[in-house]
Amino acid sequence: MISNELRKEFLTIIGKTYDHYGYPEYCGWVEGLLQLENKQWSQKSISERLTELFPESKYPTSIPTINRALKMLEGYGVVEKTGSRKTGYQYCATTSSNLLGSMIHHLMMVNNDFVSKLEILTAKNKKKDSDLKRATNIQIKMAGQWNRALQLLLESTTSETGD
């Protein structure tokens, strides 16, 4: 028997966790819904179902909000999109074994872009602003350490899942 109250609690827990990681809470609701009710969803159907579960007006469950969440989750490899503009898009959750690896890989790509931009900035520092040089070097060093940690985590998850 389906319990909407327990499903709402499940989605709230995931949403709050997303919030603690610095992402919008509604991204967690969308991910949780796609995993919980495993089927093909349109933006409209996701919005309608979340509005059923979160009927209070304080919860952002509009189609534009769902669209923002889907774009973010798709970028992280959490959600797969099929269809076209003409036929309409359908969304579903990716397999869980792929989820963690996709998120780690995305973080590494963002981090690499960050380092590249700092390296370009460092090269532009022709006046040799020593404070800027020190600050960029610290950021590049920390980003490198973070990437090494992420790489080890990615290797660990890949070996555990057999991918």
C-alpha atoms as a PDB file:
ATOM      1  CA  MET A   1       0.000   0.000   0.000  1.00  0.00           C
ATOM      2  CA  ILE A   2       1.381   3.398  -1.040  1.00  0.00           C
ATOM      3  CA  SER A   3       1.857   5.855   1.793  1.00  0.00           C
ATOM      4  CA  ASN A   4       2.094   9.416   0.499  1.00  0.00           C
ATOM      5  CA  GLU A   5       3.168  10.649   3.934  1.00  0.00           C
ATOM      6  CA  LEU A   6       6.136   8.255   4.035  1.00  0.00           C
ATOM      7  CA  ARG A   7       6.985   9.079   0.420  1.00  0.00           C
ATOM      8  CA  LYS A   8       6.923  12.771   1.291  1.00  0.00           C
ATOM      9  CA  GLU A   9       9.221  12.074   4.237  1.00  0.00           C
ATOM     10  CA  PHE A  10      11.572  10.108   1.939  1.00  0.00           C
ATOM     11  CA  LEU A  11      11.688  12.992  -0.548  1.00  0.00           C
ATOM     12  CA  THR A  12      12.142  15.527   2.252  1.00  0.00           C
ATOM     13  CA  ILE A  13      15.142  13.618   3.616  1.00  0.00           C
ATOM     14  CA  ILE A  14      16.772  13.514   0.176  1.00  0.00           C
ATOM     15  CA  GLY A  15      15.934  17.173  -0.440  1.00  0.00           C
ATOM     16  CA  LYS A  16      17.428  18.302   2.865  1.00  0.00           C
ATOM     17  CA  THR A  17      20.573  16.314   2.097  1.00  0.00           C
ATOM     18  CA  TYR A  18      20.866  18.068  -1.263  1.00  0.00           C
ATOM     19  CA  ASP A  19      20.410  21.366   0.569  1.00  0.00           C
ATOM     20  CA  HIS A  20      23.238  20.498   2.974  1.00  0.00           C
ATOM     21  CA  TYR A  21      25.465  19.792  -0.037  1.00  0.00           C
ATOM     22  CA  GLY A  22      24.629  23.251  -1.375  1.00  0.00           C
ATOM     23  CA  TYR A  23      22.125  22.252  -4.065  1.00  0.00           C
ATOM     24  CA  PRO A  24      18.441  23.169  -4.263  1.00  0.00           C
ATOM     25  CA  GLU A  25      16.230  20.956  -2.149  1.00  0.00           C
ATOM     26  CA  TYR A  26      13.860  20.356  -5.073  1.00  0.00           C
ATOM     27  CA  CYS A  27      16.671  18.571  -6.968  1.00  0.00           C
ATOM     28  CA  GLY A  28      16.578  15.927  -4.258  1.00  0.00           C
ATOM     29  CA  TRP A  29      12.797  15.662  -4.552  1.00  0.00           C
ATOM     30  CA  VAL A  30      13.037  15.068  -8.292  1.00  0.00           C
ATOM     31  CA  GLU A  31      15.810  12.500  -7.945  1.00  0.00           C
ATOM     32  CA  GLY A  32      13.936  10.736  -5.156  1.00  0.00           C
ATOM     33  CA  LEU A  33      10.673  10.681  -7.112  1.00  0.00           C
ATOM     34  CA  LEU A  34      12.353   9.244 -10.200  1.00  0.00           C
ATOM     35  CA  GLN A  35      13.905   6.484  -8.102  1.00  0.00           C
ATOM     36  CA  LEU A  36      10.823   5.901  -5.995  1.00  0.00           C
ATOM     37  CA  GLU A  37       8.296   5.721  -8.817  1.00  0.00           C
ATOM     38  CA  ASN A  38      10.499   4.253 -11.527  1.00  0.00           C
ATOM     39  CA  LYS A  39       8.950   5.138 -14.884  1.00  0.00           C
ATOM     40  CA  GLN A  40       9.217   7.661 -17.700  1.00  0.00           C
ATOM     41  CA  TRP A  41       8.179  11.137 -16.576  1.00  0.00           C
ATOM     42  CA  SER A  42       7.484  14.416 -18.345  1.00  0.00           C
ATOM     43  CA  GLN A  43       8.277  17.727 -16.665  1.00  0.00           C
ATOM     44  CA  LYS A  44       4.561  18.281 -16.232  1.00  0.00           C
ATOM     45  CA  SER A  45       3.942  14.869 -14.658  1.00  0.00           C
ATOM     46  CA  ILE A  46       6.848  15.358 -12.229  1.00  0.00           C
ATOM     47  CA  SER A  47       5.459  18.763 -11.271  1.00  0.00           C
ATOM     48  CA  GLU A  48       1.958  17.340 -10.782  1.00  0.00           C
ATOM     49  CA  ARG A  49       3.157  14.407  -8.665  1.00  0.00           C
ATOM     50  CA  LEU A  50       5.356  16.578  -6.467  1.00  0.00           C
ATOM     51  CA  THR A  51       2.475  19.031  -6.041  1.00  0.00           C
ATOM     52  CA  GLU A  52       0.346  16.092  -4.840  1.00  0.00           C
ATOM     53  CA  LEU A  53       3.012  15.132  -2.311  1.00  0.00           C
ATOM     54  CA  PHE A  54       3.864  18.738  -1.339  1.00  0.00           C
ATOM     55  CA  PRO A  55       0.563  20.602  -1.664  1.00  0.00           C
ATOM     56  CA  GLU A  56       1.578  23.515   0.566  1.00  0.00           C
ATOM     57  CA  SER A  57       2.479  26.636  -1.402  1.00  0.00           C
ATOM     58  CA  LYS A  58       5.872  26.926   0.308  1.00  0.00           C
ATOM     59  CA  TYR A  59       7.250  24.048  -1.815  1.00  0.00           C
ATOM     60  CA  PRO A  60       8.556  24.976  -5.288  1.00  0.00           C
ATOM     61  CA  THR A  61       7.032  22.342  -7.571  1.00  0.00           C
ATOM     62  CA  SER A  62       6.204  24.396 -10.668  1.00  0.00           C
ATOM     63  CA  ILE A  63       7.197  23.244 -14.141  1.00  0.00           C
ATOM     64  CA  PRO A  64       9.986  25.893 -14.442  1.00  0.00           C
ATOM     65  CA  THR A  65      11.401  24.739 -11.095  1.00  0.00           C
ATOM     66  CA  ILE A  66      11.270  21.110 -12.204  1.00  0.00           C
ATOM     67  CA  ASN A  67      12.956  22.092 -15.469  1.00  0.00           C
ATOM     68  CA  ARG A  68      15.841  23.721 -13.550  1.00  0.00           C
ATOM     69  CA  ALA A  69      16.206  20.627 -11.377  1.00  0.00           C
ATOM     70  CA  LEU A  70      16.172  18.285 -14.374  1.00  0.00           C
ATOM     71  CA  LYS A  71      18.839  20.309 -16.184  1.00  0.00           C
ATOM     72  CA  MET A  72      21.059  20.210 -13.117  1.00  0.00           C
ATOM     73  CA  LEU A  73      20.481  16.508 -12.483  1.00  0.00           C
ATOM     74  CA  GLU A  74      21.011  15.692 -16.150  1.00  0.00           C
ATOM     75  CA  GLY A  75      24.339  17.525 -16.015  1.00  0.00           C
ATOM     76  CA  TYR A  76      25.397  15.337 -13.114  1.00  0.00           C
ATOM     77  CA  GLY A  77      24.291  12.179 -14.894  1.00  0.00           C
ATOM     78  CA  VAL A  78      21.567  11.471 -12.332  1.00  0.00           C
ATOM     79  CA  VAL A  79      18.748  11.773 -14.869  1.00  0.00           C
ATOM     80  CA  GLU A  80      18.449  10.517 -18.440  1.00  0.00           C
ATOM     81  CA  LYS A  81      16.420  12.442 -21.006  1.00  0.00           C
ATOM     82  CA  THR A  82      14.855  10.830 -24.068  1.00  0.00           C
ATOM     83  CA  GLY A  83      12.591  12.197 -26.776  1.00  0.00           C
ATOM     84  CA  SER A  84      12.727  15.478 -28.653  1.00  0.00           C
ATOM     85  CA  ARG A  85      11.276  18.948 -28.595  1.00  0.00           C
ATOM     86  CA  LYS A  86       8.700  17.866 -31.107  1.00  0.00           C
ATOM     87  CA  THR A  87       7.567  14.693 -29.330  1.00  0.00           C
ATOM     88  CA  GLY A  88       8.283  15.891 -25.813  1.00  0.00           C
ATOM     89  CA  TYR A  89      10.990  14.829 -23.400  1.00  0.00           C
ATOM     90  CA  GLN A  90      10.755  11.976 -20.951  1.00  0.00           C
ATOM     91  CA  TYR A  91      12.964  11.608 -17.902  1.00  0.00           C
ATOM     92  CA  CYS A  92      14.031   8.697 -15.731  1.00  0.00           C
ATOM     93  CA  ALA A  93      16.682   8.031 -13.100  1.00  0.00           C
ATOM     94  CA  THR A  94      19.965   6.537 -14.222  1.00  0.00           C
ATOM     95  CA  THR A  95      21.150   3.305 -12.678  1.00  0.00           C
ATOM     96  CA  SER A  96      22.433   3.759  -9.149  1.00  0.00           C
ATOM     97  CA  SER A  97      25.829   2.191  -9.910  1.00  0.00           C
ATOM     98  CA  ASN A  98      26.402   4.950 -12.437  1.00  0.00           C
ATOM     99  CA  LEU A  99      25.163   7.753 -10.211  1.00  0.00           C
ATOM    100  CA  LEU A 100      28.088   8.212  -7.843  1.00  0.00           C
ATOM    101  CA  GLY A 101      30.670   7.880 -10.594  1.00  0.00           C
ATOM    102  CA  SER A 102      28.856  10.433 -12.741  1.00  0.00           C
ATOM    103  CA  MET A 103      28.695  12.936  -9.910  1.00  0.00           C
ATOM    104  CA  ILE A 104      32.365  12.487  -9.008  1.00  0.00           C
ATOM    105  CA  HIS A 105      33.398  12.783 -12.647  1.00  0.00           C
ATOM    106  CA  HIS A 106      31.355  15.980 -13.009  1.00  0.00           C
ATOM    107  CA  LEU A 107      32.989  17.478  -9.901  1.00  0.00           C
ATOM    108  CA  MET A 108      36.403  16.669 -11.353  1.00  0.00           C
ATOM    109  CA  MET A 109      35.512  18.354 -14.663  1.00  0.00           C
ATOM    110  CA  VAL A 110      34.335  21.487 -12.834  1.00  0.00           C
ATOM    111  CA  ASN A 111      37.492  21.433 -10.738  1.00  0.00           C
ATOM    112  CA  ASN A 112      39.715  21.051 -13.823  1.00  0.00           C
ATOM    113  CA  ASP A 113      37.996  24.031 -15.437  1.00  0.00           C
ATOM    114  CA  PHE A 114      38.583  26.028 -12.247  1.00  0.00           C
ATOM    115  CA  VAL A 115      42.304  25.180 -12.303  1.00  0.00           C
ATOM    116  CA  SER A 116      42.590  26.060 -15.995  1.00  0.00           C
ATOM    117  CA  LYS A 117      41.062  29.476 -15.390  1.00  0.00           C
ATOM    118  CA  LEU A 118      43.398  30.106 -12.462  1.00  0.00           C
ATOM    119  CA  GLU A 119      46.407  29.077 -14.551  1.00  0.00           C
ATOM    120  CA  ILE A 120      45.364  31.533 -17.281  1.00  0.00           C
ATOM    121  CA  LEU A 121      44.995  34.232 -14.630  1.00  0.00           C
ATOM    122  CA  THR A 122      48.440  33.399 -13.270  1.00  0.00           C
ATOM    123  CA  ALA A 123      49.937  33.758 -16.757  1.00  0.00           C
ATOM    124  CA  LYS A 124      48.276  37.191 -17.091  1.00  0.00           C
ATOM    125  CA  ASN A 125      49.872  38.350 -13.842  1.00  0.00           C
ATOM    126  CA  LYS A 126      52.647  40.206 -15.674  1.00  0.00           C
ATOM    127  CA  LYS A 127      53.007  42.815 -12.942  1.00  0.00           C
ATOM    128  CA  LYS A 128      53.830  39.990 -10.608  1.00  0.00           C
ATOM    129  CA  ASP A 129      51.236  40.856  -7.999  1.00  0.00           C
ATOM    130  CA  SER A 130      52.698  38.697  -5.236  1.00  0.00           C
ATOM    131  CA  ASP A 131      49.442  38.451  -3.242  1.00  0.00           C
ATOM    132  CA  LEU A 132      47.534  37.340  -6.338  1.00  0.00           C
ATOM    133  CA  LYS A 133      50.268  34.835  -7.185  1.00  0.00           C
ATOM    134  CA  ARG A 134      50.193  33.406  -3.660  1.00  0.00           C
ATOM    135  CA  ALA A 135      46.391  33.164  -3.574  1.00  0.00           C
ATOM    136  CA  THR A 136      46.137  31.504  -6.993  1.00  0.00           C
ATOM    137  CA  ASN A 137      48.907  29.049  -6.110  1.00  0.00           C
ATOM    138  CA  ILE A 138      47.076  28.081  -2.923  1.00  0.00           C
ATOM    139  CA  GLN A 139      43.825  27.565  -4.856  1.00  0.00           C
ATOM    140  CA  ILE A 140      45.549  25.516  -7.577  1.00  0.00           C
ATOM    141  CA  LYS A 141      47.324  23.374  -4.978  1.00  0.00           C
ATOM    142  CA  MET A 142      44.095  22.731  -3.030  1.00  0.00           C
ATOM    143  CA  ALA A 143      42.193  21.962  -6.240  1.00  0.00           C
ATOM    144  CA  GLY A 144      44.896  19.472  -7.187  1.00  0.00           C
ATOM    145  CA  GLN A 145      44.611  17.749  -3.820  1.00  0.00           C
ATOM    146  CA  TRP A 146      40.817  17.701  -4.131  1.00  0.00           C
ATOM    147  CA  ASN A 147      41.073  16.156  -7.613  1.00  0.00           C
ATOM    148  CA  ARG A 148      43.464  13.477  -6.359  1.00  0.00           C
ATOM    149  CA  ALA A 149      41.004  12.614  -3.578  1.00  0.00           C
ATOM    150  CA  LEU A 150      38.126  12.508  -6.065  1.00  0.00           C
ATOM    151  CA  GLN A 151      40.170  10.301  -8.412  1.00  0.00           C
ATOM    152  CA  LEU A 152      40.835   7.834  -5.592  1.00  0.00           C
ATOM    153  CA  LEU A 153      37.149   7.868  -4.680  1.00  0.00           C
ATOM    154  CA  LEU A 154      36.192   7.299  -8.316  1.00  0.00           C
ATOM    155  CA  GLU A 155      38.624   4.397  -8.600  1.00  0.00           C
ATOM    156  CA  SER A 156      37.253   2.959  -5.355  1.00  0.00           C
ATOM    157  CA  THR A 157      33.639   3.127  -6.532  1.00  0.00           C
ATOM    158  CA  THR A 158      34.542   1.710  -9.941  1.00  0.00           C
ATOM    159  CA  SER A 159      36.318  -1.279  -8.398  1.00  0.00           C
ATOM    160  CA  GLU A 160      33.424  -1.896  -5.980  1.00  0.00           C
ATOM    161  CA  THR A 161      30.727  -1.779  -8.659  1.00  0.00           C
ATOM    162  CA  GLY A 162      32.754  -3.688 -11.226  1.00  0.00           C
ATOM    163  CA  ASP A 163      32.343  -0.981 -13.905  1.00  0.00           C
END
